[in-house]
Amino acid sequence: MAISAFVLIDTTGTHTKSAYKTLTRIQGVKSVYPVTGPFDLIAHVEAETLEELNDLIMVRLRSIDGVMKTNTAIVLDF
């Protein structure tokens, strides 16, 4: 069963649109939404393991030009 998470992403200045486009091309990113509030984008991501999720967020998403910070909420099951 895949691990799902929502990643709230803060971008710098005019990088929101380019970060959005880059995010949509990354494997494991299921959807991306521009939003209002303290963050600029929200990405729904999935990975098979916590290690893969860590790589997706810490390496691939955070290395996108213009991404300043992220806040991740892992989806739980009742």
PDB file of N, CA and C in Angstrom:
ATOM      1  N   MET A   1       0.837  -1.180   0.000  1.00  0.00           N
ATOM      2  CA  MET A   1       0.000   0.000   0.000  1.00  0.00           C
ATOM      3  C   MET A   1       0.882   1.243   0.000  1.00  0.00           C
ATOM      4  N   ALA A   2       0.591   2.176  -0.872  1.00  0.00           N
ATOM      5  CA  ALA A   2       1.391   3.387  -0.996  1.00  0.00           C
ATOM      6  C   ALA A   2       1.161   4.322   0.190  1.00  0.00           C
ATOM      7  N   ILE A   3       2.185   5.087   0.492  1.00  0.00           N
ATOM      8  CA  ILE A   3       2.113   6.112   1.529  1.00  0.00           C
ATOM      9  C   ILE A   3       1.760   7.431   0.829  1.00  0.00           C
ATOM     10  N   SER A   4       0.682   8.065   1.284  1.00  0.00           N
ATOM     11  CA  SER A   4       0.259   9.344   0.721  1.00  0.00           C
ATOM     12  C   SER A   4       0.607  10.465   1.674  1.00  0.00           C
ATOM     13  N   ALA A   5       0.910  11.621   1.098  1.00  0.00           N
ATOM     14  CA  ALA A   5       1.196  12.799   1.910  1.00  0.00           C
ATOM     15  C   ALA A   5       0.814  14.046   1.119  1.00  0.00           C
ATOM     16  N   PHE A   6       0.565  15.106   1.866  1.00  0.00           N
ATOM     17  CA  PHE A   6       0.357  16.417   1.267  1.00  0.00           C
ATOM     18  C   PHE A   6       1.532  17.290   1.674  1.00  0.00           C
ATOM     19  N   VAL A   7       2.170  17.899   0.683  1.00  0.00           N
ATOM     20  CA  VAL A   7       3.343  18.729   0.929  1.00  0.00           C
ATOM     21  C   VAL A   7       2.968  20.177   0.648  1.00  0.00           C
ATOM     22  N   LEU A   8       3.030  21.006   1.689  1.00  0.00           N
ATOM     23  CA  LEU A   8       2.779  22.440   1.544  1.00  0.00           C
ATOM     24  C   LEU A   8       4.103  23.092   1.198  1.00  0.00           C
ATOM     25  N   ILE A   9       4.116  23.881   0.140  1.00  0.00           N
ATOM     26  CA  ILE A   9       5.369  24.385  -0.419  1.00  0.00           C
ATOM     27  C   ILE A   9       5.356  25.908  -0.463  1.00  0.00           C
ATOM     28  N   ASP A  10       6.417  26.514   0.074  1.00  0.00           N
ATOM     29  CA  ASP A  10       6.617  27.955   0.042  1.00  0.00           C
ATOM     30  C   ASP A  10       7.667  28.249  -1.019  1.00  0.00           C
ATOM     31  N   THR A  11       7.348  29.134  -1.950  1.00  0.00           N
ATOM     32  CA  THR A  11       8.290  29.481  -3.017  1.00  0.00           C
ATOM     33  C   THR A  11       8.708  30.951  -2.901  1.00  0.00           C
ATOM     34  N   THR A  12       9.788  31.290  -3.593  1.00  0.00           N
ATOM     35  CA  THR A  12      10.263  32.666  -3.582  1.00  0.00           C
ATOM     36  C   THR A  12       9.719  33.436  -4.776  1.00  0.00           C
ATOM     37  N   GLY A  13       9.397  34.679  -4.535  1.00  0.00           N
ATOM     38  CA  GLY A  13       9.035  35.638  -5.575  1.00  0.00           C
ATOM     39  C   GLY A  13       8.245  35.101  -6.740  1.00  0.00           C
ATOM     40  N   THR A  14       8.853  35.142  -7.900  1.00  0.00           N
ATOM     41  CA  THR A  14       8.178  34.781  -9.142  1.00  0.00           C
ATOM     42  C   THR A  14       8.387  33.314  -9.526  1.00  0.00           C
ATOM     43  N   HIS A  15       8.872  32.487  -8.622  1.00  0.00           N
ATOM     44  CA  HIS A  15       9.164  31.085  -8.941  1.00  0.00           C
ATOM     45  C   HIS A  15       7.979  30.141  -8.779  1.00  0.00           C
ATOM     46  N   THR A  16       6.846  30.625  -8.336  1.00  0.00           N
ATOM     47  CA  THR A  16       5.711  29.743  -8.068  1.00  0.00           C
ATOM     48  C   THR A  16       5.271  28.988  -9.321  1.00  0.00           C
ATOM     49  N   LYS A  17       5.134  29.678 -10.427  1.00  0.00           N
ATOM     50  CA  LYS A  17       4.663  29.042 -11.661  1.00  0.00           C
ATOM     51  C   LYS A  17       5.666  28.016 -12.185  1.00  0.00           C
ATOM     52  N   SER A  18       6.948  28.343 -12.174  1.00  0.00           N
ATOM     53  CA  SER A  18       7.949  27.395 -12.662  1.00  0.00           C
ATOM     54  C   SER A  18       8.083  26.199 -11.723  1.00  0.00           C
ATOM     55  N   ALA A  19       7.950  26.427 -10.422  1.00  0.00           N
ATOM     56  CA  ALA A  19       7.983  25.315  -9.466  1.00  0.00           C
ATOM     57  C   ALA A  19       6.780  24.403  -9.692  1.00  0.00           C
ATOM     58  N   TYR A  20       5.631  24.986  -9.933  1.00  0.00           N
ATOM     59  CA  TYR A  20       4.416  24.221 -10.229  1.00  0.00           C
ATOM     60  C   TYR A  20       4.647  23.304 -11.433  1.00  0.00           C
ATOM     61  N   LYS A  21       5.171  23.866 -12.508  1.00  0.00           N
ATOM     62  CA  LYS A  21       5.407  23.084 -13.731  1.00  0.00           C
ATOM     63  C   LYS A  21       6.409  21.956 -13.482  1.00  0.00           C
ATOM     64  N   THR A  22       7.452  22.238 -12.730  1.00  0.00           N
ATOM     65  CA  THR A  22       8.448  21.211 -12.421  1.00  0.00           C
ATOM     66  C   THR A  22       7.840  20.100 -11.573  1.00  0.00           C
ATOM     67  N   LEU A  23       7.062  20.464 -10.574  1.00  0.00           N
ATOM     68  CA  LEU A  23       6.421  19.475  -9.694  1.00  0.00           C
ATOM     69  C   LEU A  23       5.540  18.514 -10.473  1.00  0.00           C
ATOM     70  N   THR A  24       4.806  19.014 -11.458  1.00  0.00           N
ATOM     71  CA  THR A  24       3.883  18.163 -12.207  1.00  0.00           C
ATOM     72  C   THR A  24       4.603  17.101 -13.029  1.00  0.00           C
ATOM     73  N   ARG A  25       5.901  17.263 -13.230  1.00  0.00           N
ATOM     74  CA  ARG A  25       6.675  16.301 -14.027  1.00  0.00           C
ATOM     75  C   ARG A  25       7.440  15.284 -13.178  1.00  0.00           C
ATOM     76  N   ILE A  26       7.341  15.364 -11.867  1.00  0.00           N
ATOM     77  CA  ILE A  26       8.094  14.465 -10.986  1.00  0.00           C
ATOM     78  C   ILE A  26       7.272  13.219 -10.670  1.00  0.00           C
ATOM     79  N   GLN A  27       7.904  12.064 -10.876  1.00  0.00           N
ATOM     80  CA  GLN A  27       7.232  10.804 -10.557  1.00  0.00           C
ATOM     81  C   GLN A  27       6.946  10.745  -9.061  1.00  0.00           C
ATOM     82  N   GLY A  28       5.741  10.353  -8.717  1.00  0.00           N
ATOM     83  CA  GLY A  28       5.328  10.303  -7.322  1.00  0.00           C
ATOM     84  C   GLY A  28       4.458  11.473  -6.930  1.00  0.00           C
ATOM     85  N   VAL A  29       4.487  12.543  -7.710  1.00  0.00           N
ATOM     86  CA  VAL A  29       3.617  13.698  -7.466  1.00  0.00           C
ATOM     87  C   VAL A  29       2.312  13.438  -8.216  1.00  0.00           C
ATOM     88  N   LYS A  30       1.238  13.270  -7.467  1.00  0.00           N
ATOM     89  CA  LYS A  30      -0.058  12.929  -8.066  1.00  0.00           C
ATOM     90  C   LYS A  30      -0.839  14.147  -8.520  1.00  0.00           C
ATOM     91  N   SER A  31      -0.738  15.255  -7.781  1.00  0.00           N
ATOM     92  CA  SER A  31      -1.412  16.494  -8.166  1.00  0.00           C
ATOM     93  C   SER A  31      -0.760  17.661  -7.449  1.00  0.00           C
ATOM     94  N   VAL A  32      -0.917  18.838  -8.047  1.00  0.00           N
ATOM     95  CA  VAL A  32      -0.352  20.067  -7.475  1.00  0.00           C
ATOM     96  C   VAL A  32      -1.404  21.161  -7.614  1.00  0.00           C
ATOM     97  N   TYR A  33      -1.552  21.961  -6.546  1.00  0.00           N
ATOM     98  CA  TYR A  33      -2.537  23.037  -6.547  1.00  0.00           C
ATOM     99  C   TYR A  33      -1.908  24.337  -6.064  1.00  0.00           C
ATOM    100  N   PRO A  34      -2.113  25.437  -6.787  1.00  0.00           N
ATOM    101  CA  PRO A  34      -1.740  26.748  -6.241  1.00  0.00           C
ATOM    102  C   PRO A  34      -2.821  27.138  -5.229  1.00  0.00           C
ATOM    103  N   VAL A  35      -2.413  27.670  -4.095  1.00  0.00           N
ATOM    104  CA  VAL A  35      -3.362  27.991  -3.025  1.00  0.00           C
ATOM    105  C   VAL A  35      -3.051  29.357  -2.416  1.00  0.00           C
ATOM    106  N   THR A  36      -4.025  29.862  -1.663  1.00  0.00           N
ATOM    107  CA  THR A  36      -3.816  31.085  -0.906  1.00  0.00           C
ATOM    108  C   THR A  36      -3.377  30.713   0.501  1.00  0.00           C
ATOM    109  N   GLY A  37      -2.877  31.679   1.243  1.00  0.00           N
ATOM    110  CA  GLY A  37      -2.458  31.425   2.614  1.00  0.00           C
ATOM    111  C   GLY A  37      -0.957  31.481   2.761  1.00  0.00           C
ATOM    112  N   PRO A  38      -0.433  30.881   3.822  1.00  0.00           N
ATOM    113  CA  PRO A  38       0.999  30.986   4.101  1.00  0.00           C
ATOM    114  C   PRO A  38       1.882  30.186   3.144  1.00  0.00           C
ATOM    115  N   PHE A  39       1.295  29.238   2.394  1.00  0.00           N
ATOM    116  CA  PHE A  39       2.062  28.474   1.415  1.00  0.00           C
ATOM    117  C   PHE A  39       1.536  28.787   0.027  1.00  0.00           C
ATOM    118  N   ASP A  40       2.368  28.567  -0.986  1.00  0.00           N
ATOM    119  CA  ASP A  40       2.008  28.901  -2.359  1.00  0.00           C
ATOM    120  C   ASP A  40       1.434  27.724  -3.134  1.00  0.00           C
ATOM    121  N   LEU A  41       1.906  26.513  -2.820  1.00  0.00           N
ATOM    122  CA  LEU A  41       1.483  25.308  -3.531  1.00  0.00           C
ATOM    123  C   LEU A  41       1.227  24.179  -2.546  1.00  0.00           C
ATOM    124  N   ILE A  42       0.334  23.279  -2.915  1.00  0.00           N
ATOM    125  CA  ILE A  42       0.151  22.034  -2.177  1.00  0.00           C
ATOM    126  C   ILE A  42       0.271  20.896  -3.181  1.00  0.00           C
ATOM    127  N   ALA A  43       1.115  19.916  -2.852  1.00  0.00           N
ATOM    128  CA  ALA A  43       1.305  18.753  -3.722  1.00  0.00           C
ATOM    129  C   ALA A  43       0.843  17.492  -2.999  1.00  0.00           C
ATOM    130  N   HIS A  44       0.072  16.673  -3.693  1.00  0.00           N
ATOM    131  CA  HIS A  44      -0.302  15.354  -3.186  1.00  0.00           C
ATOM    132  C   HIS A  44       0.726  14.383  -3.761  1.00  0.00           C
ATOM    133  N   VAL A  45       1.442  13.694  -2.881  1.00  0.00           N
ATOM    134  CA  VAL A  45       2.492  12.774  -3.315  1.00  0.00           C
ATOM    135  C   VAL A  45       2.227  11.378  -2.787  1.00  0.00           C
ATOM    136  N   GLU A  46       2.800  10.372  -3.472  1.00  0.00           N
ATOM    137  CA  GLU A  46       2.711   8.986  -3.030  1.00  0.00           C
ATOM    138  C   GLU A  46       4.047   8.301  -3.234  1.00  0.00           C
ATOM    139  N   ALA A  47       4.365   7.394  -2.303  1.00  0.00           N
ATOM    140  CA  ALA A  47       5.585   6.595  -2.381  1.00  0.00           C
ATOM    141  C   ALA A  47       5.290   5.231  -1.768  1.00  0.00           C
ATOM    142  N   GLU A  48       6.070   4.244  -2.154  1.00  0.00           N
ATOM    143  CA  GLU A  48       5.863   2.890  -1.641  1.00  0.00           C
ATOM    144  C   GLU A  48       6.415   2.709  -0.228  1.00  0.00           C
ATOM    145  N   THR A  49       7.474   3.434   0.113  1.00  0.00           N
ATOM    146  CA  THR A  49       8.093   3.297   1.433  1.00  0.00           C
ATOM    147  C   THR A  49       8.404   4.676   2.002  1.00  0.00           C
ATOM    148  N   LEU A  50       8.665   4.728   3.300  1.00  0.00           N
ATOM    149  CA  LEU A  50       9.084   5.993   3.921  1.00  0.00           C
ATOM    150  C   LEU A  50      10.408   6.477   3.345  1.00  0.00           C
ATOM    151  N   GLU A  51      11.288   5.554   3.009  1.00  0.00           N
ATOM    152  CA  GLU A  51      12.574   5.932   2.403  1.00  0.00           C
ATOM    153  C   GLU A  51      12.345   6.621   1.057  1.00  0.00           C
ATOM    154  N   GLU A  52      11.440   6.082   0.245  1.00  0.00           N
ATOM    155  CA  GLU A  52      11.130   6.704  -1.044  1.00  0.00           C
ATOM    156  C   GLU A  52      10.453   8.065  -0.847  1.00  0.00           C
ATOM    157  N   LEU A  53       9.577   8.155   0.150  1.00  0.00           N
ATOM    158  CA  LEU A  53       8.920   9.426   0.452  1.00  0.00           C
ATOM    159  C   LEU A  53       9.957  10.462   0.883  1.00  0.00           C
ATOM    160  N   ASN A  54      10.884  10.051   1.721  1.00  0.00           N
ATOM    161  CA  ASN A  54      11.963  10.937   2.160  1.00  0.00           C
ATOM    162  C   ASN A  54      12.766  11.446   0.965  1.00  0.00           C
ATOM    163  N   ASP A  55      13.121  10.556   0.048  1.00  0.00           N
ATOM    164  CA  ASP A  55      13.883  10.958  -1.140  1.00  0.00           C
ATOM    165  C   ASP A  55      13.069  11.917  -2.008  1.00  0.00           C
ATOM    166  N   LEU A  56      11.794  11.611  -2.186  1.00  0.00           N
ATOM    167  CA  LEU A  56      10.935  12.455  -3.002  1.00  0.00           C
ATOM    168  C   LEU A  56      10.867  13.881  -2.460  1.00  0.00           C
ATOM    169  N   ILE A  57      10.683  13.998  -1.155  1.00  0.00           N
ATOM    170  CA  ILE A  57      10.527  15.329  -0.555  1.00  0.00           C
ATOM    171  C   ILE A  57      11.864  16.019  -0.321  1.00  0.00           C
ATOM    172  N   MET A  58      12.773  15.339   0.367  1.00  0.00           N
ATOM    173  CA  MET A  58      14.026  15.973   0.791  1.00  0.00           C
ATOM    174  C   MET A  58      15.006  16.220  -0.362  1.00  0.00           C
ATOM    175  N   VAL A  59      14.975  15.357  -1.362  1.00  0.00           N
ATOM    176  CA  VAL A  59      15.932  15.503  -2.464  1.00  0.00           C
ATOM    177  C   VAL A  59      15.287  16.156  -3.682  1.00  0.00           C
ATOM    178  N   ARG A  60      14.212  15.554  -4.190  1.00  0.00           N
ATOM    179  CA  ARG A  60      13.655  16.043  -5.451  1.00  0.00           C
ATOM    180  C   ARG A  60      12.825  17.315  -5.297  1.00  0.00           C
ATOM    181  N   LEU A  61      11.895  17.357  -4.350  1.00  0.00           N
ATOM    182  CA  LEU A  61      11.043  18.545  -4.230  1.00  0.00           C
ATOM    183  C   LEU A  61      11.808  19.748  -3.690  1.00  0.00           C
ATOM    184  N   ARG A  62      12.605  19.529  -2.662  1.00  0.00           N
ATOM    185  CA  ARG A  62      13.327  20.661  -2.056  1.00  0.00           C
ATOM    186  C   ARG A  62      14.450  21.209  -2.932  1.00  0.00           C
ATOM    187  N   SER A  63      14.853  20.459  -3.966  1.00  0.00           N
ATOM    188  CA  SER A  63      15.911  20.946  -4.851  1.00  0.00           C
ATOM    189  C   SER A  63      15.366  21.772  -6.017  1.00  0.00           C
ATOM    190  N   ILE A  64      14.063  21.889  -6.125  1.00  0.00           N
ATOM    191  CA  ILE A  64      13.461  22.682  -7.203  1.00  0.00           C
ATOM    192  C   ILE A  64      13.795  24.156  -6.992  1.00  0.00           C
ATOM    193  N   ASP A  65      14.219  24.792  -8.063  1.00  0.00           N
ATOM    194  CA  ASP A  65      14.582  26.207  -8.007  1.00  0.00           C
ATOM    195  C   ASP A  65      13.393  27.032  -7.520  1.00  0.00           C
ATOM    196  N   GLY A  66      13.603  27.807  -6.474  1.00  0.00           N
ATOM    197  CA  GLY A  66      12.577  28.675  -5.934  1.00  0.00           C
ATOM    198  C   GLY A  66      11.850  28.114  -4.721  1.00  0.00           C
ATOM    199  N   VAL A  67      12.007  26.818  -4.440  1.00  0.00           N
ATOM    200  CA  VAL A  67      11.356  26.240  -3.260  1.00  0.00           C
ATOM    201  C   VAL A  67      12.145  26.653  -2.026  1.00  0.00           C
ATOM    202  N   MET A  68      11.474  27.353  -1.115  1.00  0.00           N
ATOM    203  CA  MET A  68      12.128  27.846   0.100  1.00  0.00           C
ATOM    204  C   MET A  68      11.987  26.866   1.253  1.00  0.00           C
ATOM    205  N   LYS A  69      10.755  26.362   1.456  1.00  0.00           N
ATOM    206  CA  LYS A  69      10.534  25.419   2.551  1.00  0.00           C
ATOM    207  C   LYS A  69       9.316  24.570   2.241  1.00  0.00           C
ATOM    208  N   THR A  70       9.247  23.440   2.933  1.00  0.00           N
ATOM    209  CA  THR A  70       8.103  22.549   2.794  1.00  0.00           C
ATOM    210  C   THR A  70       7.605  22.147   4.174  1.00  0.00           C
ATOM    211  N   ASN A  71       6.345  21.725   4.219  1.00  0.00           N
ATOM    212  CA  ASN A  71       5.738  21.201   5.435  1.00  0.00           C
ATOM    213  C   ASN A  71       4.912  20.001   4.986  1.00  0.00           C
ATOM    214  N   THR A  72       5.217  18.826   5.499  1.00  0.00           N
ATOM    215  CA  THR A  72       4.597  17.595   5.019  1.00  0.00           C
ATOM    216  C   THR A  72       3.625  17.020   6.029  1.00  0.00           C
ATOM    217  N   ALA A  73       2.451  16.625   5.549  1.00  0.00           N
ATOM    218  CA  ALA A  73       1.444  15.943   6.362  1.00  0.00           C
ATOM    219  C   ALA A  73       1.201  14.571   5.750  1.00  0.00           C
ATOM    220  N   ILE A  74       1.625  13.506   6.451  1.00  0.00           N
ATOM    221  CA  ILE A  74       1.429  12.140   5.976  1.00  0.00           C
ATOM    222  C   ILE A  74      -0.004  11.719   6.295  1.00  0.00           C
ATOM    223  N   VAL A  75      -0.657  11.130   5.315  1.00  0.00           N
ATOM    224  CA  VAL A  75      -2.040  10.687   5.478  1.00  0.00           C
ATOM    225  C   VAL A  75      -2.060   9.427   6.336  1.00  0.00           C
ATOM    226  N   LEU A  76      -2.900   9.437   7.387  1.00  0.00           N
ATOM    227  CA  LEU A  76      -3.033   8.308   8.298  1.00  0.00           C
ATOM    228  C   LEU A  76      -4.280   7.496   7.943  1.00  0.00           C
ATOM    229  N   ASP A  77      -4.349   6.302   8.504  1.00  0.00           N
ATOM    230  CA  ASP A  77      -5.502   5.436   8.285  1.00  0.00           C
ATOM    231  C   ASP A  77      -6.149   5.137   9.630  1.00  0.00           C
ATOM    232  N   PHE A  78      -7.469   5.139   9.676  1.00  0.00           N
ATOM    233  CA  PHE A  78      -8.191   4.820  10.913  1.00  0.00           C
ATOM    234  C   PHE A  78      -8.339   3.338  11.063  1.00  0.00           C
TER     235      PHE A  78
END
